Each structure stands twice: as C-alpha cells, then as structure tokens.
PDB file of N, CA and C in Angstrom:
ATOM      1  N   MET A   1      19.344  20.570  25.085  1.00  0.00           N
ATOM      2  CA  MET A   1      19.578  19.164  25.067  1.00  0.00           C
ATOM      3  C   MET A   1      18.776  18.542  23.926  1.00  0.00           C
ATOM      4  N   ALA A   2      19.376  17.640  23.195  1.00  0.00           N
ATOM      5  CA  ALA A   2      18.723  17.001  22.054  1.00  0.00           C
ATOM      6  C   ALA A   2      17.728  15.953  22.534  1.00  0.00           C
ATOM      7  N   ARG A   3      16.658  15.863  21.802  1.00  0.00           N
ATOM      8  CA  ARG A   3      15.656  14.837  22.112  1.00  0.00           C
ATOM      9  C   ARG A   3      16.205  13.464  21.766  1.00  0.00           C
ATOM     10  N   PRO A   4      15.842  12.473  22.559  1.00  0.00           N
ATOM     11  CA  PRO A   4      16.265  11.119  22.190  1.00  0.00           C
ATOM     12  C   PRO A   4      15.515  10.672  20.935  1.00  0.00           C
ATOM     13  N   LYS A   5      16.193   9.907  20.115  1.00  0.00           N
ATOM     14  CA  LYS A   5      15.588   9.423  18.882  1.00  0.00           C
ATOM     15  C   LYS A   5      14.538   8.370  19.195  1.00  0.00           C
ATOM     16  N   LYS A   6      13.405   8.452  18.494  1.00  0.00           N
ATOM     17  CA  LYS A   6      12.351   7.462  18.698  1.00  0.00           C
ATOM     18  C   LYS A   6      12.795   6.129  18.119  1.00  0.00           C
ATOM     19  N   PRO A   7      12.394   5.043  18.760  1.00  0.00           N
ATOM     20  CA  PRO A   7      12.774   3.734  18.218  1.00  0.00           C
ATOM     21  C   PRO A   7      12.058   3.465  16.894  1.00  0.00           C
ATOM     22  N   ALA A   8      12.700   2.695  16.051  1.00  0.00           N
ATOM     23  CA  ALA A   8      12.097   2.335  14.767  1.00  0.00           C
ATOM     24  C   ALA A   8      10.885   1.447  15.021  1.00  0.00           C
ATOM     25  N   PRO A   9       9.875   1.536  14.150  1.00  0.00           N
ATOM     26  CA  PRO A   9       8.696   0.687  14.336  1.00  0.00           C
ATOM     27  C   PRO A   9       9.058  -0.791  14.175  1.00  0.00           C
ATOM     28  N   VAL A  10       8.325  -1.619  14.860  1.00  0.00           N
ATOM     29  CA  VAL A  10       8.552  -3.057  14.782  1.00  0.00           C
ATOM     30  C   VAL A  10       7.940  -3.567  13.483  1.00  0.00           C
ATOM     31  N   LEU A  11       8.782  -4.132  12.630  1.00  0.00           N
ATOM     32  CA  LEU A  11       8.333  -4.675  11.350  1.00  0.00           C
ATOM     33  C   LEU A  11       8.761  -6.139  11.267  1.00  0.00           C
ATOM     34  N   SER A  12       7.790  -7.011  11.281  1.00  0.00           N
ATOM     35  CA  SER A  12       8.111  -8.431  11.205  1.00  0.00           C
ATOM     36  C   SER A  12       8.477  -8.808   9.775  1.00  0.00           C
ATOM     37  N   PRO A  13       9.152  -9.926   9.603  1.00  0.00           N
ATOM     38  CA  PRO A  13       9.434 -10.397   8.243  1.00  0.00           C
ATOM     39  C   PRO A  13       8.145 -10.600   7.439  1.00  0.00           C
ATOM     40  N   ARG A  14       7.074 -11.013   8.105  1.00  0.00           N
ATOM     41  CA  ARG A  14       5.788 -11.220   7.419  1.00  0.00           C
ATOM     42  C   ARG A  14       5.248  -9.895   6.876  1.00  0.00           C
ATOM     43  N   MET A  15       5.389  -8.820   7.647  1.00  0.00           N
ATOM     44  CA  MET A  15       4.928  -7.506   7.183  1.00  0.00           C
ATOM     45  C   MET A  15       5.696  -7.088   5.935  1.00  0.00           C
ATOM     46  N   ARG A  16       6.999  -7.295   5.973  1.00  0.00           N
ATOM     47  CA  ARG A  16       7.833  -6.944   4.821  1.00  0.00           C
ATOM     48  C   ARG A  16       7.450  -7.789   3.603  1.00  0.00           C
ATOM     49  N   GLU A  17       7.150  -9.054   3.853  1.00  0.00           N
ATOM     50  CA  GLU A  17       6.734  -9.951   2.767  1.00  0.00           C
ATOM     51  C   GLU A  17       5.405  -9.488   2.164  1.00  0.00           C
ATOM     52  N   TRP A  18       4.455  -9.119   3.014  1.00  0.00           N
ATOM     53  CA  TRP A  18       3.165  -8.618   2.521  1.00  0.00           C
ATOM     54  C   TRP A  18       3.364  -7.401   1.639  1.00  0.00           C
ATOM     55  N   ALA A  19       4.165  -6.462   2.129  1.00  0.00           N
ATOM     56  CA  ALA A  19       4.384  -5.226   1.370  1.00  0.00           C
ATOM     57  C   ALA A  19       5.007  -5.526   0.008  1.00  0.00           C
ATOM     58  N   GLU A  20       5.967  -6.435  -0.027  1.00  0.00           N
ATOM     59  CA  GLU A  20       6.604  -6.778  -1.301  1.00  0.00           C
ATOM     60  C   GLU A  20       5.636  -7.504  -2.226  1.00  0.00           C
ATOM     61  N   GLU A  21       4.820  -8.398  -1.680  1.00  0.00           N
ATOM     62  CA  GLU A  21       3.812  -9.081  -2.498  1.00  0.00           C
ATOM     63  C   GLU A  21       2.836  -8.072  -3.113  1.00  0.00           C
ATOM     64  N   LEU A  22       2.411  -7.107  -2.310  1.00  0.00           N
ATOM     65  CA  LEU A  22       1.487  -6.091  -2.813  1.00  0.00           C
ATOM     66  C   LEU A  22       2.148  -5.228  -3.882  1.00  0.00           C
ATOM     67  N   ARG A  23       3.412  -4.872  -3.666  1.00  0.00           N
ATOM     68  CA  ARG A  23       4.130  -4.067  -4.655  1.00  0.00           C
ATOM     69  C   ARG A  23       4.241  -4.816  -5.978  1.00  0.00           C
ATOM     70  N   GLN A  24       4.563  -6.097  -5.913  1.00  0.00           N
ATOM     71  CA  GLN A  24       4.680  -6.904  -7.126  1.00  0.00           C
ATOM     72  C   GLN A  24       3.320  -7.054  -7.819  1.00  0.00           C
ATOM     73  N   THR A  25       2.268  -7.232  -7.041  1.00  0.00           N
ATOM     74  CA  THR A  25       0.924  -7.336  -7.608  1.00  0.00           C
ATOM     75  C   THR A  25       0.542  -6.037  -8.311  1.00  0.00           C
ATOM     76  N   MET A  26       0.812  -4.899  -7.677  1.00  0.00           N
ATOM     77  CA  MET A  26       0.495  -3.603  -8.288  1.00  0.00           C
ATOM     78  C   MET A  26       1.308  -3.406  -9.563  1.00  0.00           C
ATOM     79  N   LEU A  27       2.554  -3.833  -9.544  1.00  0.00           N
ATOM     80  CA  LEU A  27       3.407  -3.712 -10.727  1.00  0.00           C
ATOM     81  C   LEU A  27       2.817  -4.510 -11.886  1.00  0.00           C
ATOM     82  N   ARG A  28       2.318  -5.720 -11.600  1.00  0.00           N
ATOM     83  CA  ARG A  28       1.693  -6.552 -12.644  1.00  0.00           C
ATOM     84  C   ARG A  28       0.393  -5.935 -13.152  1.00  0.00           C
ATOM     85  N   VAL A  29      -0.409  -5.398 -12.234  1.00  0.00           N
ATOM     86  CA  VAL A  29      -1.733  -4.887 -12.588  1.00  0.00           C
ATOM     87  C   VAL A  29      -1.648  -3.564 -13.346  1.00  0.00           C
ATOM     88  N   SER A  30      -0.794  -2.652 -12.860  1.00  0.00           N
ATOM     89  CA  SER A  30      -0.804  -1.309 -13.431  1.00  0.00           C
ATOM     90  C   SER A  30       0.493  -0.880 -14.102  1.00  0.00           C
ATOM     91  N   GLY A  31       1.576  -1.576 -13.803  1.00  0.00           N
ATOM     92  CA  GLY A  31       2.874  -1.157 -14.318  1.00  0.00           C
ATOM     93  C   GLY A  31       3.517  -0.070 -13.473  1.00  0.00           C
ATOM     94  N   ALA A  32       2.825   0.395 -12.432  1.00  0.00           N
ATOM     95  CA  ALA A  32       3.372   1.438 -11.546  1.00  0.00           C
ATOM     96  C   ALA A  32       4.195   0.775 -10.452  1.00  0.00           C
ATOM     97  N   ASP A  33       5.366   1.337 -10.192  1.00  0.00           N
ATOM     98  CA  ASP A  33       6.247   0.784  -9.173  1.00  0.00           C
ATOM     99  C   ASP A  33       6.185   1.651  -7.918  1.00  0.00           C
ATOM    100  N   ALA A  34       5.579   1.108  -6.878  1.00  0.00           N
ATOM    101  CA  ALA A  34       5.420   1.846  -5.628  1.00  0.00           C
ATOM    102  C   ALA A  34       6.744   2.064  -4.910  1.00  0.00           C
ATOM    103  N   ALA A  35       7.785   1.363  -5.301  1.00  0.00           N
ATOM    104  CA  ALA A  35       9.084   1.494  -4.634  1.00  0.00           C
ATOM    105  C   ALA A  35       9.871   2.706  -5.124  1.00  0.00           C
ATOM    106  N   THR A  36       9.444   3.303  -6.228  1.00  0.00           N
ATOM    107  CA  THR A  36      10.176   4.465  -6.727  1.00  0.00           C
ATOM    108  C   THR A  36       9.899   5.662  -5.827  1.00  0.00           C
ATOM    109  N   LYS A  37      10.807   6.584  -5.816  1.00  0.00           N
ATOM    110  CA  LYS A  37      10.677   7.766  -4.958  1.00  0.00           C
ATOM    111  C   LYS A  37      10.056   8.953  -5.694  1.00  0.00           C
ATOM    112  N   THR A  38       9.573   8.743  -6.913  1.00  0.00           N
ATOM    113  CA  THR A  38       9.021   9.841  -7.692  1.00  0.00           C
ATOM    114  C   THR A  38       7.616  10.200  -7.220  1.00  0.00           C
ATOM    115  N   ARG A  39       7.171  11.389  -7.619  1.00  0.00           N
ATOM    116  CA  ARG A  39       5.811  11.820  -7.314  1.00  0.00           C
ATOM    117  C   ARG A  39       4.911  11.710  -8.533  1.00  0.00           C
ATOM    118  N   GLU A  40       5.295  10.884  -9.475  1.00  0.00           N
ATOM    119  CA  GLU A  40       4.431  10.670 -10.637  1.00  0.00           C
ATOM    120  C   GLU A  40       3.115  10.078 -10.144  1.00  0.00           C
ATOM    121  N   ARG A  41       2.035  10.554 -10.724  1.00  0.00           N
ATOM    122  CA  ARG A  41       0.709  10.180 -10.232  1.00  0.00           C
ATOM    123  C   ARG A  41       0.497   8.676 -10.145  1.00  0.00           C
ATOM    124  N   ASP A  42       0.902   7.939 -11.170  1.00  0.00           N
ATOM    125  CA  ASP A  42       0.698   6.485 -11.158  1.00  0.00           C
ATOM    126  C   ASP A  42       1.366   5.839  -9.949  1.00  0.00           C
ATOM    127  N   ASN A  43       2.566   6.291  -9.624  1.00  0.00           N
ATOM    128  CA  ASN A  43       3.293   5.715  -8.490  1.00  0.00           C
ATOM    129  C   ASN A  43       2.690   6.129  -7.157  1.00  0.00           C
ATOM    130  N   VAL A  44       2.200   7.362  -7.067  1.00  0.00           N
ATOM    131  CA  VAL A  44       1.544   7.829  -5.839  1.00  0.00           C
ATOM    132  C   VAL A  44       0.255   7.036  -5.615  1.00  0.00           C
ATOM    133  N   VAL A  45      -0.517   6.850  -6.666  1.00  0.00           N
ATOM    134  CA  VAL A  45      -1.760   6.076  -6.556  1.00  0.00           C
ATOM    135  C   VAL A  45      -1.440   4.640  -6.153  1.00  0.00           C
ATOM    136  N   ALA A  46      -0.395   4.071  -6.723  1.00  0.00           N
ATOM    137  CA  ALA A  46       0.011   2.708  -6.369  1.00  0.00           C
ATOM    138  C   ALA A  46       0.365   2.621  -4.882  1.00  0.00           C
ATOM    139  N   ARG A  47       1.147   3.573  -4.390  1.00  0.00           N
ATOM    140  CA  ARG A  47       1.507   3.568  -2.964  1.00  0.00           C
ATOM    141  C   ARG A  47       0.274   3.738  -2.084  1.00  0.00           C
ATOM    142  N   ALA A  48      -0.650   4.595  -2.499  1.00  0.00           N
ATOM    143  CA  ALA A  48      -1.870   4.819  -1.711  1.00  0.00           C
ATOM    144  C   ALA A  48      -2.690   3.537  -1.611  1.00  0.00           C
ATOM    145  N   MET A  49      -2.792   2.811  -2.697  1.00  0.00           N
ATOM    146  CA  MET A  49      -3.576   1.573  -2.689  1.00  0.00           C
ATOM    147  C   MET A  49      -2.902   0.486  -1.863  1.00  0.00           C
ATOM    148  N   ILE A  50      -1.601   0.398  -1.957  1.00  0.00           N
ATOM    149  CA  ILE A  50      -0.874  -0.574  -1.137  1.00  0.00           C
ATOM    150  C   ILE A  50      -1.006  -0.204   0.339  1.00  0.00           C
ATOM    151  N   ALA A  51      -0.864   1.074   0.656  1.00  0.00           N
ATOM    152  CA  ALA A  51      -1.019   1.533   2.035  1.00  0.00           C
ATOM    153  C   ALA A  51      -2.410   1.195   2.558  1.00  0.00           C
ATOM    154  N   HIS A  52      -3.417   1.370   1.728  1.00  0.00           N
ATOM    155  CA  HIS A  52      -4.795   1.075   2.118  1.00  0.00           C
ATOM    156  C   HIS A  52      -4.940  -0.394   2.525  1.00  0.00           C
ATOM    157  N   VAL A  53      -4.391  -1.286   1.728  1.00  0.00           N
ATOM    158  CA  VAL A  53      -4.485  -2.721   2.039  1.00  0.00           C
ATOM    159  C   VAL A  53      -3.738  -3.029   3.341  1.00  0.00           C
ATOM    160  N   LEU A  54      -2.545  -2.475   3.495  1.00  0.00           N
ATOM    161  CA  LEU A  54      -1.765  -2.733   4.712  1.00  0.00           C
ATOM    162  C   LEU A  54      -2.474  -2.189   5.948  1.00  0.00           C
ATOM    163  N   LEU A  55      -3.091  -1.010   5.835  1.00  0.00           N
ATOM    164  CA  LEU A  55      -3.850  -0.462   6.961  1.00  0.00           C
ATOM    165  C   LEU A  55      -5.055  -1.340   7.281  1.00  0.00           C
ATOM    166  N   GLU A  56      -5.708  -1.868   6.252  1.00  0.00           N
ATOM    167  CA  GLU A  56      -6.844  -2.779   6.478  1.00  0.00           C
ATOM    168  C   GLU A  56      -6.406  -4.049   7.194  1.00  0.00           C
ATOM    169  N   ARG A  57      -5.143  -4.439   7.007  1.00  0.00           N
ATOM    170  CA  ARG A  57      -4.618  -5.635   7.666  1.00  0.00           C
ATOM    171  C   ARG A  57      -4.186  -5.361   9.097  1.00  0.00           C
ATOM    172  N   GLY A  58      -4.398  -4.143   9.569  1.00  0.00           N
ATOM    173  CA  GLY A  58      -4.156  -3.826  10.965  1.00  0.00           C
ATOM    174  C   GLY A  58      -2.831  -3.159  11.274  1.00  0.00           C
ATOM    175  N   MET A  59      -2.083  -2.780  10.265  1.00  0.00           N
ATOM    176  CA  MET A  59      -0.819  -2.091  10.528  1.00  0.00           C
ATOM    177  C   MET A  59      -1.086  -0.630  10.870  1.00  0.00           C
ATOM    178  N   THR A  60      -0.152  -0.031  11.585  1.00  0.00           N
ATOM    179  CA  THR A  60      -0.267   1.383  11.929  1.00  0.00           C
ATOM    180  C   THR A  60       0.280   2.232  10.780  1.00  0.00           C
ATOM    181  N   THR A  61      -0.036   3.526  10.823  1.00  0.00           N
ATOM    182  CA  THR A  61       0.494   4.424   9.795  1.00  0.00           C
ATOM    183  C   THR A  61       2.018   4.486   9.877  1.00  0.00           C
ATOM    184  N   ILE A  62       2.562   4.363  11.068  1.00  0.00           N
ATOM    185  CA  ILE A  62       4.019   4.386  11.226  1.00  0.00           C
ATOM    186  C   ILE A  62       4.643   3.146  10.601  1.00  0.00           C
ATOM    187  N   GLN A  63       4.043   1.984  10.818  1.00  0.00           N
ATOM    188  CA  GLN A  63       4.567   0.751  10.225  1.00  0.00           C
ATOM    189  C   GLN A  63       4.473   0.796   8.704  1.00  0.00           C
ATOM    190  N   VAL A  64       3.327   1.216   8.189  1.00  0.00           N
ATOM    191  CA  VAL A  64       3.146   1.292   6.736  1.00  0.00           C
ATOM    192  C   VAL A  64       4.132   2.293   6.147  1.00  0.00           C
ATOM    193  N   GLY A  65       4.297   3.415   6.823  1.00  0.00           N
ATOM    194  CA  GLY A  65       5.255   4.410   6.361  1.00  0.00           C
ATOM    195  C   GLY A  65       6.665   3.849   6.287  1.00  0.00           C
ATOM    196  N   ALA A  66       7.048   3.081   7.282  1.00  0.00           N
ATOM    197  CA  ALA A  66       8.382   2.482   7.279  1.00  0.00           C
ATOM    198  C   ALA A  66       8.534   1.490   6.131  1.00  0.00           C
ATOM    199  N   LEU A  67       7.492   0.741   5.846  1.00  0.00           N
ATOM    200  CA  LEU A  67       7.541  -0.237   4.746  1.00  0.00           C
ATOM    201  C   LEU A  67       7.622   0.438   3.376  1.00  0.00           C
ATOM    202  N   LEU A  68       6.949   1.580   3.245  1.00  0.00           N
ATOM    203  CA  LEU A  68       6.918   2.275   1.958  1.00  0.00           C
ATOM    204  C   LEU A  68       7.942   3.396   1.851  1.00  0.00           C
ATOM    205  N   GLY A  69       8.698   3.605   2.916  1.00  0.00           N
ATOM    206  CA  GLY A  69       9.703   4.669   2.886  1.00  0.00           C
ATOM    207  C   GLY A  69       9.095   6.059   2.946  1.00  0.00           C
ATOM    208  N   LYS A  70       7.969   6.172   3.645  1.00  0.00           N
ATOM    209  CA  LYS A  70       7.256   7.447   3.755  1.00  0.00           C
ATOM    210  C   LYS A  70       6.986   7.766   5.217  1.00  0.00           C
ATOM    211  N   ASN A  71       6.701   9.025   5.504  1.00  0.00           N
ATOM    212  CA  ASN A  71       6.335   9.488   6.825  1.00  0.00           C
ATOM    213  C   ASN A  71       4.907   9.040   7.135  1.00  0.00           C
ATOM    214  N   HIS A  72       4.591   8.875   8.420  1.00  0.00           N
ATOM    215  CA  HIS A  72       3.241   8.460   8.789  1.00  0.00           C
ATOM    216  C   HIS A  72       2.189   9.463   8.330  1.00  0.00           C
ATOM    217  N   ALA A  73       2.542  10.736   8.245  1.00  0.00           N
ATOM    218  CA  ALA A  73       1.582  11.748   7.786  1.00  0.00           C
ATOM    219  C   ALA A  73       1.239  11.546   6.309  1.00  0.00           C
ATOM    220  N   THR A  74       2.198  11.087   5.533  1.00  0.00           N
ATOM    221  CA  THR A  74       1.935  10.779   4.125  1.00  0.00           C
ATOM    222  C   THR A  74       0.960   9.619   4.025  1.00  0.00           C
ATOM    223  N   ILE A  75       1.110   8.643   4.907  1.00  0.00           N
ATOM    224  CA  ILE A  75       0.193   7.492   4.903  1.00  0.00           C
ATOM    225  C   ILE A  75      -1.210   7.955   5.275  1.00  0.00           C
ATOM    226  N   SER A  76      -1.333   8.882   6.209  1.00  0.00           N
ATOM    227  CA  SER A  76      -2.651   9.445   6.543  1.00  0.00           C
ATOM    228  C   SER A  76      -3.243  10.172   5.337  1.00  0.00           C
ATOM    229  N   HIS A  77      -2.400  10.873   4.594  1.00  0.00           N
ATOM    230  CA  HIS A  77      -2.854  11.535   3.364  1.00  0.00           C
ATOM    231  C   HIS A  77      -3.330  10.485   2.358  1.00  0.00           C
ATOM    232  N   TYR A  78      -2.603   9.388   2.238  1.00  0.00           N
ATOM    233  CA  TYR A  78      -3.024   8.315   1.328  1.00  0.00           C
ATOM    234  C   TYR A  78      -4.399   7.781   1.718  1.00  0.00           C
ATOM    235  N   ARG A  79      -4.657   7.699   3.019  1.00  0.00           N
ATOM    236  CA  ARG A  79      -5.966   7.229   3.492  1.00  0.00           C
ATOM    237  C   ARG A  79      -7.061   8.173   2.989  1.00  0.00           C
ATOM    238  N   SER A  80      -6.819   9.470   3.075  1.00  0.00           N
ATOM    239  CA  SER A  80      -7.785  10.466   2.580  1.00  0.00           C
ATOM    240  C   SER A  80      -7.942  10.367   1.064  1.00  0.00           C
ATOM    241  N   LEU A  81      -6.827  10.145   0.397  1.00  0.00           N
ATOM    242  CA  LEU A  81      -6.844  10.014  -1.059  1.00  0.00           C
ATOM    243  C   LEU A  81      -7.708   8.826  -1.483  1.00  0.00           C
ATOM    244  N   MET A  82      -7.555   7.707  -0.784  1.00  0.00           N
ATOM    245  CA  MET A  82      -8.358   6.517  -1.108  1.00  0.00           C
ATOM    246  C   MET A  82      -9.843   6.768  -0.856  1.00  0.00           C
ATOM    247  N   ALA A  83     -10.159   7.487   0.192  1.00  0.00           N
ATOM    248  CA  ALA A  83     -11.568   7.814   0.461  1.00  0.00           C
ATOM    249  C   ALA A  83     -12.131   8.651  -0.679  1.00  0.00           C
ATOM    250  N   ALA A  84     -11.345   9.580  -1.191  1.00  0.00           N
ATOM    251  CA  ALA A  84     -11.789  10.395  -2.323  1.00  0.00           C
ATOM    252  C   ALA A  84     -11.966   9.541  -3.573  1.00  0.00           C
ATOM    253  N   PHE A  85     -11.036   8.626  -3.810  1.00  0.00           N
ATOM    254  CA  PHE A  85     -11.145   7.743  -4.983  1.00  0.00           C
ATOM    255  C   PHE A  85     -12.442   6.947  -4.952  1.00  0.00           C
ATOM    256  N   MET A  86     -12.816   6.490  -3.769  1.00  0.00           N
ATOM    257  CA  MET A  86     -13.985   5.618  -3.656  1.00  0.00           C
ATOM    258  C   MET A  86     -15.304   6.384  -3.672  1.00  0.00           C
ATOM    259  N   SER A  87     -15.279   7.660  -3.291  1.00  0.00           N
ATOM    260  CA  SER A  87     -16.547   8.376  -3.143  1.00  0.00           C
ATOM    261  C   SER A  87     -16.813   9.442  -4.205  1.00  0.00           C
ATOM    262  N   SER A  88     -15.791   9.922  -4.874  1.00  0.00           N
ATOM    263  CA  SER A  88     -15.984  11.007  -5.832  1.00  0.00           C
ATOM    264  C   SER A  88     -16.158  10.474  -7.247  1.00  0.00           C
ATOM    265  N   PRO A  89     -17.098  11.025  -8.001  1.00  0.00           N
ATOM    266  CA  PRO A  89     -17.362  10.511  -9.348  1.00  0.00           C
ATOM    267  C   PRO A  89     -16.236  10.763 -10.349  1.00  0.00           C
ATOM    268  N   GLY A  90     -15.343  11.678 -10.068  1.00  0.00           N
ATOM    269  CA  GLY A  90     -14.290  12.016 -11.028  1.00  0.00           C
ATOM    270  C   GLY A  90     -13.125  11.037 -11.069  1.00  0.00           C
ATOM    271  N   TYR A  91     -13.129  10.044 -10.206  1.00  0.00           N
ATOM    272  CA  TYR A  91     -11.987   9.126 -10.100  1.00  0.00           C
ATOM    273  C   TYR A  91     -12.298   7.734 -10.650  1.00  0.00           C
ATOM    274  N   THR A  92     -12.907   7.669 -11.811  1.00  0.00           N
ATOM    275  CA  THR A  92     -13.290   6.363 -12.354  1.00  0.00           C
ATOM    276  C   THR A  92     -12.069   5.503 -12.694  1.00  0.00           C
ATOM    277  N   VAL A  93     -11.015   6.108 -13.208  1.00  0.00           N
ATOM    278  CA  VAL A  93      -9.805   5.343 -13.547  1.00  0.00           C
ATOM    279  C   VAL A  93      -9.204   4.737 -12.286  1.00  0.00           C
ATOM    280  N   GLU A  94      -9.133   5.513 -11.213  1.00  0.00           N
ATOM    281  CA  GLU A  94      -8.578   5.017  -9.958  1.00  0.00           C
ATOM    282  C   GLU A  94      -9.453   3.908  -9.372  1.00  0.00           C
ATOM    283  N   ARG A  95     -10.781   4.064  -9.467  1.00  0.00           N
ATOM    284  CA  ARG A  95     -11.676   3.018  -8.964  1.00  0.00           C
ATOM    285  C   ARG A  95     -11.515   1.733  -9.758  1.00  0.00           C
ATOM    286  N   GLU A  96     -11.375   1.851 -11.064  1.00  0.00           N
ATOM    287  CA  GLU A  96     -11.153   0.659 -11.896  1.00  0.00           C
ATOM    288  C   GLU A  96      -9.834  -0.014 -11.528  1.00  0.00           C
ATOM    289  N   LEU A  97      -8.796   0.785 -11.320  1.00  0.00           N
ATOM    290  CA  LEU A  97      -7.512   0.226 -10.907  1.00  0.00           C
ATOM    291  C   LEU A  97      -7.644  -0.451  -9.549  1.00  0.00           C
ATOM    292  N   TRP A  98      -8.366   0.188  -8.621  1.00  0.00           N
ATOM    293  CA  TRP A  98      -8.569  -0.416  -7.305  1.00  0.00           C
ATOM    294  C   TRP A  98      -9.284  -1.757  -7.436  1.00  0.00           C
ATOM    295  N   ASN A  99     -10.318  -1.813  -8.262  1.00  0.00           N
ATOM    296  CA  ASN A  99     -11.046  -3.068  -8.446  1.00  0.00           C
ATOM    297  C   ASN A  99     -10.125  -4.145  -9.015  1.00  0.00           C
ATOM    298  N   ASP A 100      -9.310  -3.790 -10.005  1.00  0.00           N
ATOM    299  CA  ASP A 100      -8.371  -4.749 -10.590  1.00  0.00           C
ATOM    300  C   ASP A 100      -7.330  -5.194  -9.561  1.00  0.00           C
ATOM    301  N   PHE A 101      -6.793  -4.232  -8.811  1.00  0.00           N
ATOM    302  CA  PHE A 101      -5.763  -4.531  -7.818  1.00  0.00           C
ATOM    303  C   PHE A 101      -6.324  -5.399  -6.696  1.00  0.00           C
ATOM    304  N   SER A 102      -7.479  -5.025  -6.156  1.00  0.00           N
ATOM    305  CA  SER A 102      -8.038  -5.797  -5.040  1.00  0.00           C
ATOM    306  C   SER A 102      -8.412  -7.210  -5.493  1.00  0.00           C
ATOM    307  N   GLU A 103      -8.868  -7.350  -6.731  1.00  0.00           N
ATOM    308  CA  GLU A 103      -9.165  -8.686  -7.260  1.00  0.00           C
ATOM    309  C   GLU A 103      -7.878  -9.504  -7.399  1.00  0.00           C
ATOM    310  N   ALA A 104      -6.808  -8.881  -7.874  1.00  0.00           N
ATOM    311  CA  ALA A 104      -5.524  -9.570  -8.018  1.00  0.00           C
ATOM    312  C   ALA A 104      -4.967  -9.973  -6.652  1.00  0.00           C
ATOM    313  N   VAL A 105      -5.134  -9.118  -5.650  1.00  0.00           N
ATOM    314  CA  VAL A 105      -4.674  -9.437  -4.290  1.00  0.00           C
ATOM    315  C   VAL A 105      -5.463 -10.619  -3.748  1.00  0.00           C
ATOM    316  N   LYS A 106      -6.768 -10.599  -3.948  1.00  0.00           N
ATOM    317  CA  LYS A 106      -7.621 -11.702  -3.492  1.00  0.00           C
ATOM    318  C   LYS A 106      -7.208 -13.007  -4.170  1.00  0.00           C
ATOM    319  N   ASN A 107      -6.996 -12.965  -5.477  1.00  0.00           N
ATOM    320  CA  ASN A 107      -6.593 -14.174  -6.205  1.00  0.00           C
ATOM    321  C   ASN A 107      -5.234 -14.682  -5.748  1.00  0.00           C
ATOM    322  N   ALA A 108      -4.318 -13.771  -5.470  1.00  0.00           N
ATOM    323  CA  ALA A 108      -2.985 -14.163  -5.000  1.00  0.00           C
ATOM    324  C   ALA A 108      -3.073 -14.829  -3.634  1.00  0.00           C
ATOM    325  N   ARG A 109      -3.909 -14.301  -2.757  1.00  0.00           N
ATOM    326  CA  ARG A 109      -4.099 -14.914  -1.421  1.00  0.00           C
ATOM    327  C   ARG A 109      -4.678 -16.317  -1.544  1.00  0.00           C
ATOM    328  N   GLU A 110      -5.685 -16.460  -2.418  1.00  0.00           N
ATOM    329  CA  GLU A 110      -6.313 -17.769  -2.600  1.00  0.00           C
ATOM    330  C   GLU A 110      -5.324 -18.775  -3.186  1.00  0.00           C
ATOM    331  N   ALA A 111      -4.526 -18.337  -4.147  1.00  0.00           N
ATOM    332  CA  ALA A 111      -3.536 -19.224  -4.754  1.00  0.00           C
ATOM    333  C   ALA A 111      -2.485 -19.639  -3.723  1.00  0.00           C
ATOM    334  N   LYS A 112      -2.079 -18.704  -2.884  1.00  0.00           N
ATOM    335  CA  LYS A 112      -1.083 -19.009  -1.852  1.00  0.00           C
ATOM    336  C   LYS A 112      -1.659 -19.992  -0.839  1.00  0.00           C
ATOM    337  N   ALA A 113      -2.919 -19.789  -0.457  1.00  0.00           N
ATOM    338  CA  ALA A 113      -3.564 -20.695   0.479  1.00  0.00           C
ATOM    339  C   ALA A 113      -3.697 -22.101  -0.110  1.00  0.00           C
ATOM    340  N   ALA A 114      -3.999 -22.178  -1.395  1.00  0.00           N
ATOM    341  CA  ALA A 114      -4.138 -23.477  -2.053  1.00  0.00           C
ATOM    342  C   ALA A 114      -2.793 -24.218  -2.099  1.00  0.00           C
ATOM    343  N   ARG A 115      -1.694 -23.473  -2.298  1.00  0.00           N
ATOM    344  CA  ARG A 115      -0.370 -24.092  -2.321  1.00  0.00           C
ATOM    345  C   ARG A 115       0.038 -24.631  -0.959  1.00  0.00           C
ATOM    346  N   GLN A 116      -0.486 -24.038   0.102  1.00  0.00           N
ATOM    347  CA  GLN A 116      -0.105 -24.452   1.454  1.00  0.00           C
ATOM    348  C   GLN A 116      -0.882 -25.667   1.933  1.00  0.00           C
ATOM    349  N   ILE A 117      -1.894 -26.044   1.206  1.00  0.00           N
ATOM    350  CA  ILE A 117      -2.715 -27.201   1.610  1.00  0.00           C
ATOM    351  C   ILE A 117      -2.011 -28.477   1.262  1.00  0.00           C
TER     352      ILE A 117
END
C-alpha cells in the first residue's frame, strides 16, 4: 500500500514576500540569483545566506525549503555551511558578502518601516 502524501508546508503570502525581498537584495548585493537551479558556488552561497535569514525569522527547514525549491535536508546543509563561513578563516569572501548582505537587509527593513509611518 502506498504511503499517503504529506501535506505541503503552510506558506503565508508574507513568507513568500520575505523570500522574494531577500532574493532581490542578494541579487543587488552580489549578482547571484538564488532562484536559479544551478549548483554554481555563487548561487549556492546566495541560497545559504537567504535560508539563514529565513531560519532566523523563525521559519522551519521545511518552509524555507519550499520557498527556495529545495529539500529540508539541503536547508540543514546550508545551516552548516553558514556556520563554517562564520567560523573558519578560509571564508573571508563569504564573510564579506554576508556582512554586505545583512547590512542591505537591515537597510531595506528600515526603509520599509519608514515608508509605513
């Protein structure tokens, strides 16, 4: 007997909006498009950084995976990748990109908040 299919994760319109905002921010900062399906390093790093931000916002690996078109196990791998970027001395380029990306995300949030006032 076949197993019943698991239900799709619940993704609110706000979650989808966050993911798209982050993708656009990463595209501006690095030129890497996280929406592509390639395994080119720049795009993988971009997806890992976007996944990191979404996980920090309280989303599950399954939700983030659904937003990025990846399996939850890939998102767990991205979490490990980000830990390596932040702690290992050999990843200076990735750390610089993270600093630029996180600053751009912070500025975008502040600008959005200012527009809503």
